[in-house]
PDB file of all heavy atoms in Angstrom:
ATOM      1  N   PRO A   1     -20.218  14.115  -2.582  1.00  0.00           N
ATOM      2  CA  PRO A   1     -18.870  14.064  -3.020  1.00  0.00           C
ATOM      3  C   PRO A   1     -17.861  13.559  -2.042  1.00  0.00           C
ATOM      4  O   PRO A   1     -18.085  13.697  -0.795  1.00  0.00           O
ATOM      5  CB  PRO A   1     -18.593  15.684  -3.458  1.00  0.00           C
ATOM      6  CG  PRO A   1     -19.742  16.266  -3.059  1.00  0.00           C
ATOM      7  CD  PRO A   1     -20.830  15.556  -2.411  1.00  0.00           C
ATOM      8  N   PHE A   2     -16.859  13.011  -2.427  1.00  0.00           N
ATOM      9  CA  PHE A   2     -15.840  12.488  -1.549  1.00  0.00           C
ATOM     10  C   PHE A   2     -15.175  13.610  -0.803  1.00  0.00           C
ATOM     11  O   PHE A   2     -14.779  14.743  -1.249  1.00  0.00           O
ATOM     12  CB  PHE A   2     -14.706  11.734  -2.283  1.00  0.00           C
ATOM     13  CG  PHE A   2     -13.849  10.937  -1.342  1.00  0.00           C
ATOM     14  CD1 PHE A   2     -14.313   9.812  -0.779  1.00  0.00           C
ATOM     15  CD2 PHE A   2     -12.579  11.488  -0.907  1.00  0.00           C
ATOM     16  CE1 PHE A   2     -13.373   9.174   0.191  1.00  0.00           C
ATOM     17  CE2 PHE A   2     -11.867  10.769  -0.002  1.00  0.00           C
ATOM     18  CZ  PHE A   2     -12.234   9.658   0.530  1.00  0.00           C
ATOM     19  N   PRO A   3     -15.173  13.537   0.514  1.00  0.00           N
ATOM     20  CA  PRO A   3     -14.533  14.685   1.404  1.00  0.00           C
ATOM     21  C   PRO A   3     -13.022  14.655   1.433  1.00  0.00           C
ATOM     22  O   PRO A   3     -12.387  14.154   2.401  1.00  0.00           O
ATOM     23  CB  PRO A   3     -15.232  14.348   2.813  1.00  0.00           C
ATOM     24  CG  PRO A   3     -15.438  12.845   2.741  1.00  0.00           C
ATOM     25  CD  PRO A   3     -15.686  12.472   1.389  1.00  0.00           C
ATOM     26  N   TRP A   4     -12.461  15.185   0.410  1.00  0.00           N
ATOM     27  CA  TRP A   4     -10.986  15.142   0.327  1.00  0.00           C
ATOM     28  C   TRP A   4     -10.257  15.945   1.437  1.00  0.00           C
ATOM     29  O   TRP A   4      -9.265  15.437   1.921  1.00  0.00           O
ATOM     30  CB  TRP A   4     -10.574  15.731  -1.083  1.00  0.00           C
ATOM     31  CG  TRP A   4     -11.002  14.940  -2.257  1.00  0.00           C
ATOM     32  CD1 TRP A   4     -11.933  15.083  -3.076  1.00  0.00           C
ATOM     33  CD2 TRP A   4     -10.421  13.634  -2.582  1.00  0.00           C
ATOM     34  NE1 TRP A   4     -12.038  14.067  -3.919  1.00  0.00           N
ATOM     35  CE2 TRP A   4     -11.043  13.242  -3.668  1.00  0.00           C
ATOM     36  CE3 TRP A   4      -9.340  12.894  -2.071  1.00  0.00           C
ATOM     37  CZ2 TRP A   4     -10.759  12.014  -4.351  1.00  0.00           C
ATOM     38  CZ3 TRP A   4      -9.012  11.708  -2.695  1.00  0.00           C
ATOM     39  CH2 TRP A   4      -9.671  11.230  -3.774  1.00  0.00           C
ATOM     40  N   LYS A   5     -10.778  16.937   1.836  1.00  0.00           N
ATOM     41  CA  LYS A   5     -10.087  17.737   2.971  1.00  0.00           C
ATOM     42  C   LYS A   5     -10.095  16.906   4.265  1.00  0.00           C
ATOM     43  O   LYS A   5      -9.179  16.839   4.944  1.00  0.00           O
ATOM     44  CB  LYS A   5     -10.888  19.121   3.268  1.00  0.00           C
ATOM     45  CG  LYS A   5     -10.669  20.053   2.372  1.00  0.00           C
ATOM     46  CD  LYS A   5     -11.480  21.336   2.551  1.00  0.00           C
ATOM     47  CE  LYS A   5     -11.261  22.289   1.502  1.00  0.00           C
ATOM     48  NZ  LYS A   5     -12.189  23.627   1.736  1.00  0.00           N
ATOM     49  N   GLU A   6     -11.220  16.224   4.544  1.00  0.00           N
ATOM     50  CA  GLU A   6     -11.335  15.364   5.765  1.00  0.00           C
ATOM     51  C   GLU A   6     -10.316  14.154   5.653  1.00  0.00           C
ATOM     52  O   GLU A   6      -9.746  13.783   6.407  1.00  0.00           O
ATOM     53  CB  GLU A   6     -12.696  14.934   6.127  1.00  0.00           C
ATOM     54  CG  GLU A   6     -13.639  16.064   6.545  1.00  0.00           C
ATOM     55  CD  GLU A   6     -14.237  16.793   5.273  1.00  0.00           C
ATOM     56  OE1 GLU A   6     -13.876  16.621   4.201  1.00  0.00           O
ATOM     57  OE2 GLU A   6     -15.150  17.677   5.585  1.00  0.00           O
ATOM     58  N   TRP A   7     -10.406  13.644   4.482  1.00  0.00           N
ATOM     59  CA  TRP A   7      -9.426  12.484   4.044  1.00  0.00           C
ATOM     60  C   TRP A   7      -8.006  12.780   4.358  1.00  0.00           C
ATOM     61  O   TRP A   7      -7.294  12.083   5.039  1.00  0.00           O
ATOM     62  CB  TRP A   7      -9.731  12.123   2.547  1.00  0.00           C
ATOM     63  CG  TRP A   7      -8.893  10.974   2.079  1.00  0.00           C
ATOM     64  CD1 TRP A   7      -7.800  11.102   1.066  1.00  0.00           C
ATOM     65  CD2 TRP A   7      -8.899   9.554   2.438  1.00  0.00           C
ATOM     66  NE1 TRP A   7      -7.350   9.822   0.839  1.00  0.00           N
ATOM     67  CE2 TRP A   7      -7.983   8.965   1.629  1.00  0.00           C
ATOM     68  CE3 TRP A   7      -9.723   8.891   3.351  1.00  0.00           C
ATOM     69  CZ2 TRP A   7      -7.750   7.554   1.796  1.00  0.00           C
ATOM     70  CZ3 TRP A   7      -9.466   7.509   3.409  1.00  0.00           C
ATOM     71  CH2 TRP A   7      -8.548   6.777   2.643  1.00  0.00           C
ATOM     72  N   ASP A   8      -7.582  14.021   3.902  1.00  0.00           N
ATOM     73  CA  ASP A   8      -6.202  14.464   4.134  1.00  0.00           C
ATOM     74  C   ASP A   8      -6.031  14.688   5.660  1.00  0.00           C
ATOM     75  O   ASP A   8      -4.926  14.411   6.121  1.00  0.00           O
ATOM     76  CB  ASP A   8      -5.884  15.685   3.323  1.00  0.00           C
ATOM     77  CG  ASP A   8      -5.789  15.312   1.828  1.00  0.00           C
ATOM     78  OD1 ASP A   8      -5.576  14.282   1.402  1.00  0.00           O
ATOM     79  OD2 ASP A   8      -5.988  16.325   1.040  1.00  0.00           O
ATOM     80  N   ALA A   9      -6.953  15.410   6.242  1.00  0.00           N
ATOM     81  CA  ALA A   9      -6.879  15.720   7.716  1.00  0.00           C
ATOM     82  C   ALA A   9      -6.727  14.499   8.662  1.00  0.00           C
ATOM     83  O   ALA A   9      -6.083  14.639   9.649  1.00  0.00           O
ATOM     84  CB  ALA A   9      -8.039  16.724   8.121  1.00  0.00           C
ATOM     85  N   CYS A  10      -7.402  13.354   8.295  1.00  0.00           N
ATOM     86  CA  CYS A  10      -7.413  12.238   9.085  1.00  0.00           C
ATOM     87  C   CYS A  10      -6.274  11.294   8.618  1.00  0.00           C
ATOM     88  O   CYS A  10      -6.160  10.135   9.111  1.00  0.00           O
ATOM     89  CB  CYS A  10      -8.744  11.547   9.080  1.00  0.00           C
ATOM     90  SG  CYS A  10      -9.226  10.703   7.573  1.00  0.00           S
ATOM     91  N   GLY A  11      -5.327  11.749   7.837  1.00  0.00           N
ATOM     92  CA  GLY A  11      -4.145  10.941   7.367  1.00  0.00           C
ATOM     93  C   GLY A  11      -4.567   9.738   6.498  1.00  0.00           C
ATOM     94  O   GLY A  11      -3.863   8.832   6.671  1.00  0.00           O
ATOM     95  N   GLU A  12      -5.563   9.980   5.736  1.00  0.00           N
ATOM     96  CA  GLU A  12      -6.012   8.875   4.760  1.00  0.00           C
ATOM     97  C   GLU A  12      -6.358   7.610   5.436  1.00  0.00           C
ATOM     98  O   GLU A  12      -6.171   6.462   5.024  1.00  0.00           O
ATOM     99  CB  GLU A  12      -5.095   8.541   3.684  1.00  0.00           C
ATOM    100  CG  GLU A  12      -4.829   9.819   2.827  1.00  0.00           C
ATOM    101  CD  GLU A  12      -3.859   9.611   1.642  1.00  0.00           C
ATOM    102  OE1 GLU A  12      -3.505   8.474   1.408  1.00  0.00           O
ATOM    103  OE2 GLU A  12      -3.581  10.458   0.896  1.00  0.00           O
ATOM    104  N   ASN A  13      -6.873   7.788   6.835  1.00  0.00           N
ATOM    105  CA  ASN A  13      -7.280   6.525   7.555  1.00  0.00           C
ATOM    106  C   ASN A  13      -8.873   6.414   7.478  1.00  0.00           C
ATOM    107  O   ASN A  13      -9.630   7.171   8.184  1.00  0.00           O
ATOM    108  CB  ASN A  13      -6.895   6.819   9.067  1.00  0.00           C
ATOM    109  CG  ASN A  13      -7.215   5.651   9.874  1.00  0.00           C
ATOM    110  OD1 ASN A  13      -7.921   4.692   9.543  1.00  0.00           O
ATOM    111  ND2 ASN A  13      -6.708   5.635  11.110  1.00  0.00           N
ATOM    112  N   PRO A  14      -9.456   5.450   6.833  1.00  0.00           N
ATOM    113  CA  PRO A  14     -10.836   5.370   6.602  1.00  0.00           C
ATOM    114  C   PRO A  14     -11.523   4.861   7.973  1.00  0.00           C
ATOM    115  O   PRO A  14     -12.766   5.092   8.057  1.00  0.00           O
ATOM    116  CB  PRO A  14     -11.018   4.207   5.646  1.00  0.00           C
ATOM    117  CG  PRO A  14      -9.815   3.311   5.727  1.00  0.00           C
ATOM    118  CD  PRO A  14      -8.701   4.384   6.156  1.00  0.00           C
ATOM    119  N   ASP A  15     -10.850   4.412   9.012  1.00  0.00           N
ATOM    120  CA  ASP A  15     -11.482   3.976  10.194  1.00  0.00           C
ATOM    121  C   ASP A  15     -11.830   5.328  11.005  1.00  0.00           C
ATOM    122  O   ASP A  15     -12.674   5.091  11.866  1.00  0.00           O
ATOM    123  CB  ASP A  15     -10.404   3.170  11.070  1.00  0.00           C
ATOM    124  CG  ASP A  15     -10.102   1.858  10.417  1.00  0.00           C
ATOM    125  OD1 ASP A  15     -11.070   1.313   9.763  1.00  0.00           O
ATOM    126  OD2 ASP A  15      -9.016   1.355  10.503  1.00  0.00           O
ATOM    127  N   LEU A  16     -11.298   6.460  10.606  1.00  0.00           N
ATOM    128  CA  LEU A  16     -11.665   7.688  11.256  1.00  0.00           C
ATOM    129  C   LEU A  16     -12.916   8.292  10.705  1.00  0.00           C
ATOM    130  O   LEU A  16     -13.564   9.229  11.269  1.00  0.00           O
ATOM    131  CB  LEU A  16     -10.584   8.708  11.316  1.00  0.00           C
ATOM    132  CG  LEU A  16      -9.301   8.274  11.996  1.00  0.00           C
ATOM    133  CD1 LEU A  16      -8.171   9.395  11.867  1.00  0.00           C
ATOM    134  CD2 LEU A  16      -9.581   7.943  13.447  1.00  0.00           C
ATOM    135  N   PHE A  17     -13.497   7.811   9.537  1.00  0.00           N
ATOM    136  CA  PHE A  17     -14.676   8.188   8.969  1.00  0.00           C
ATOM    137  C   PHE A  17     -15.831   7.456   9.728  1.00  0.00           C
ATOM    138  O   PHE A  17     -15.731   6.244  10.063  1.00  0.00           O
ATOM    139  CB  PHE A  17     -14.806   7.753   7.493  1.00  0.00           C
ATOM    140  CG  PHE A  17     -14.081   8.712   6.611  1.00  0.00           C
ATOM    141  CD1 PHE A  17     -12.867   9.233   6.777  1.00  0.00           C
ATOM    142  CD2 PHE A  17     -14.633   8.975   5.388  1.00  0.00           C
ATOM    143  CE1 PHE A  17     -12.276  10.093   5.969  1.00  0.00           C
ATOM    144  CE2 PHE A  17     -14.086   9.906   4.404  1.00  0.00           C
ATOM    145  CZ  PHE A  17     -12.830  10.537   4.755  1.00  0.00           C
ATOM    146  N   LEU A  18     -16.947   8.157   9.999  1.00  0.00           N
ATOM    147  CA  LEU A  18     -18.009   7.551  10.685  1.00  0.00           C
ATOM    148  C   LEU A  18     -18.683   6.578   9.759  1.00  0.00           C
ATOM    149  O   LEU A  18     -18.828   6.807   8.527  1.00  0.00           O
ATOM    150  CB  LEU A  18     -19.012   8.639  11.023  1.00  0.00           C
ATOM    151  CG  LEU A  18     -18.537   9.583  12.196  1.00  0.00           C
ATOM    152  CD1 LEU A  18     -19.565  10.638  12.518  1.00  0.00           C
ATOM    153  CD2 LEU A  18     -18.179   8.905  13.399  1.00  0.00           C
ATOM    154  N   ASP A  19     -19.360   5.557  10.275  1.00  0.00           N
ATOM    155  CA  ASP A  19     -20.023   4.569   9.617  1.00  0.00           C
ATOM    156  C   ASP A  19     -21.411   5.332   9.247  1.00  0.00           C
ATOM    157  O   ASP A  19     -22.036   5.858  10.234  1.00  0.00           O
ATOM    158  CB  ASP A  19     -20.227   3.276  10.169  1.00  0.00           C
ATOM    159  CG  ASP A  19     -18.933   2.448  10.212  1.00  0.00           C
ATOM    160  OD1 ASP A  19     -18.187   2.436   9.216  1.00  0.00           O
ATOM    161  OD2 ASP A  19     -18.730   1.770  11.333  1.00  0.00           O
ATOM    162  N   TRP A  20     -21.981   5.132   8.019  1.00  0.00           N
ATOM    163  CA  TRP A  20     -23.210   5.715   7.817  1.00  0.00           C
ATOM    164  C   TRP A  20     -24.249   4.638   7.548  1.00  0.00           C
ATOM    165  O   TRP A  20     -23.890   3.715   6.740  1.00  0.00           O
ATOM    166  CB  TRP A  20     -23.119   6.752   6.674  1.00  0.00           C
ATOM    167  CG  TRP A  20     -24.383   7.212   6.281  1.00  0.00           C
ATOM    168  CD1 TRP A  20     -24.985   8.258   6.815  1.00  0.00           C
ATOM    169  CD2 TRP A  20     -25.364   6.781   5.217  1.00  0.00           C
ATOM    170  NE1 TRP A  20     -26.241   8.536   6.225  1.00  0.00           N
ATOM    171  CE2 TRP A  20     -26.350   7.537   5.174  1.00  0.00           C
ATOM    172  CE3 TRP A  20     -25.135   5.784   4.313  1.00  0.00           C
ATOM    173  CZ2 TRP A  20     -27.530   7.352   4.422  1.00  0.00           C
ATOM    174  CZ3 TRP A  20     -26.083   5.527   3.467  1.00  0.00           C
ATOM    175  CH2 TRP A  20     -27.307   6.360   3.423  1.00  0.00           C
ATOM    176  N   GLU A  21     -25.441   4.597   8.010  1.00  0.00           N
ATOM    177  CA  GLU A  21     -26.437   3.715   7.716  1.00  0.00           C
ATOM    178  C   GLU A  21     -27.666   4.397   7.193  1.00  0.00           C
ATOM    179  O   GLU A  21     -28.059   5.470   7.791  1.00  0.00           O
ATOM    180  CB  GLU A  21     -26.791   2.833   8.982  1.00  0.00           C
ATOM    181  CG  GLU A  21     -25.726   2.017   9.440  1.00  0.00           C
ATOM    182  CD  GLU A  21     -25.557   0.828   8.468  1.00  0.00           C
ATOM    183  OE1 GLU A  21     -26.437   0.301   7.914  1.00  0.00           O
ATOM    184  OE2 GLU A  21     -24.296   0.370   8.401  1.00  0.00           O
ATOM    185  N   PRO A  22     -28.324   3.891   6.041  1.00  0.00           N
ATOM    186  CA  PRO A  22     -29.520   4.573   5.576  1.00  0.00           C
ATOM    187  C   PRO A  22     -30.663   4.471   6.615  1.00  0.00           C
ATOM    188  O   PRO A  22     -30.748   3.336   7.296  1.00  0.00           O
ATOM    189  CB  PRO A  22     -29.871   3.848   4.357  1.00  0.00           C
ATOM    190  CG  PRO A  22     -29.176   2.438   4.387  1.00  0.00           C
ATOM    191  CD  PRO A  22     -27.872   2.746   5.326  1.00  0.00           C
ATOM    192  N   ASN A  23     -31.544   5.442   6.653  1.00  0.00           N
ATOM    193  CA  ASN A  23     -32.798   5.359   7.545  1.00  0.00           C
ATOM    194  C   ASN A  23     -33.725   4.625   6.661  1.00  0.00           C
ATOM    195  O   ASN A  23     -33.628   4.109   5.562  1.00  0.00           O
ATOM    196  CB  ASN A  23     -33.206   6.661   7.863  1.00  0.00           C
ATOM    197  CG  ASN A  23     -33.616   7.613   6.768  1.00  0.00           C
ATOM    198  OD1 ASN A  23     -33.792   7.102   5.669  1.00  0.00           O
ATOM    199  ND2 ASN A  23     -33.484   8.909   6.982  1.00  0.00           N
ATOM    200  N   ASP A  24     -35.025   4.281   7.404  1.00  0.00           N
ATOM    201  CA  ASP A  24     -35.983   3.501   6.660  1.00  0.00           C
ATOM    202  C   ASP A  24     -36.528   4.227   5.464  1.00  0.00           C
ATOM    203  O   ASP A  24     -36.972   3.405   4.384  1.00  0.00           O
ATOM    204  CB  ASP A  24     -37.155   3.329   7.645  1.00  0.00           C
ATOM    205  CG  ASP A  24     -36.945   2.345   8.723  1.00  0.00           C
ATOM    206  OD1 ASP A  24     -35.861   1.586   8.579  1.00  0.00           O
ATOM    207  OD2 ASP A  24     -37.509   2.249   9.828  1.00  0.00           O
ATOM    208  N   ARG A  25     -36.598   5.555   5.344  1.00  0.00           N
ATOM    209  CA  ARG A  25     -37.175   6.146   4.184  1.00  0.00           C
ATOM    210  C   ARG A  25     -36.232   6.023   3.014  1.00  0.00           C
ATOM    211  O   ARG A  25     -36.622   5.675   1.913  1.00  0.00           O
ATOM    212  CB  ARG A  25     -37.172   7.791   4.561  1.00  0.00           C
ATOM    213  CG  ARG A  25     -37.790   8.495   3.396  1.00  0.00           C
ATOM    214  CD  ARG A  25     -38.139   9.907   3.645  1.00  0.00           C
ATOM    215  NE  ARG A  25     -37.233  10.585   4.346  1.00  0.00           N
ATOM    216  CZ  ARG A  25     -37.241  11.807   4.903  1.00  0.00           C
ATOM    217  NH1 ARG A  25     -38.441  12.532   4.629  1.00  0.00           N
ATOM    218  NH2 ARG A  25     -36.372  12.335   5.666  1.00  0.00           N
TER     219      ARG A  25
END
């Protein structure tokens, strides 16, 4: 689910969200 609390806490700045990459599995 979208992390609304974190979104608000970081001032709606997507650059503060960590980049996620899928593993091989």
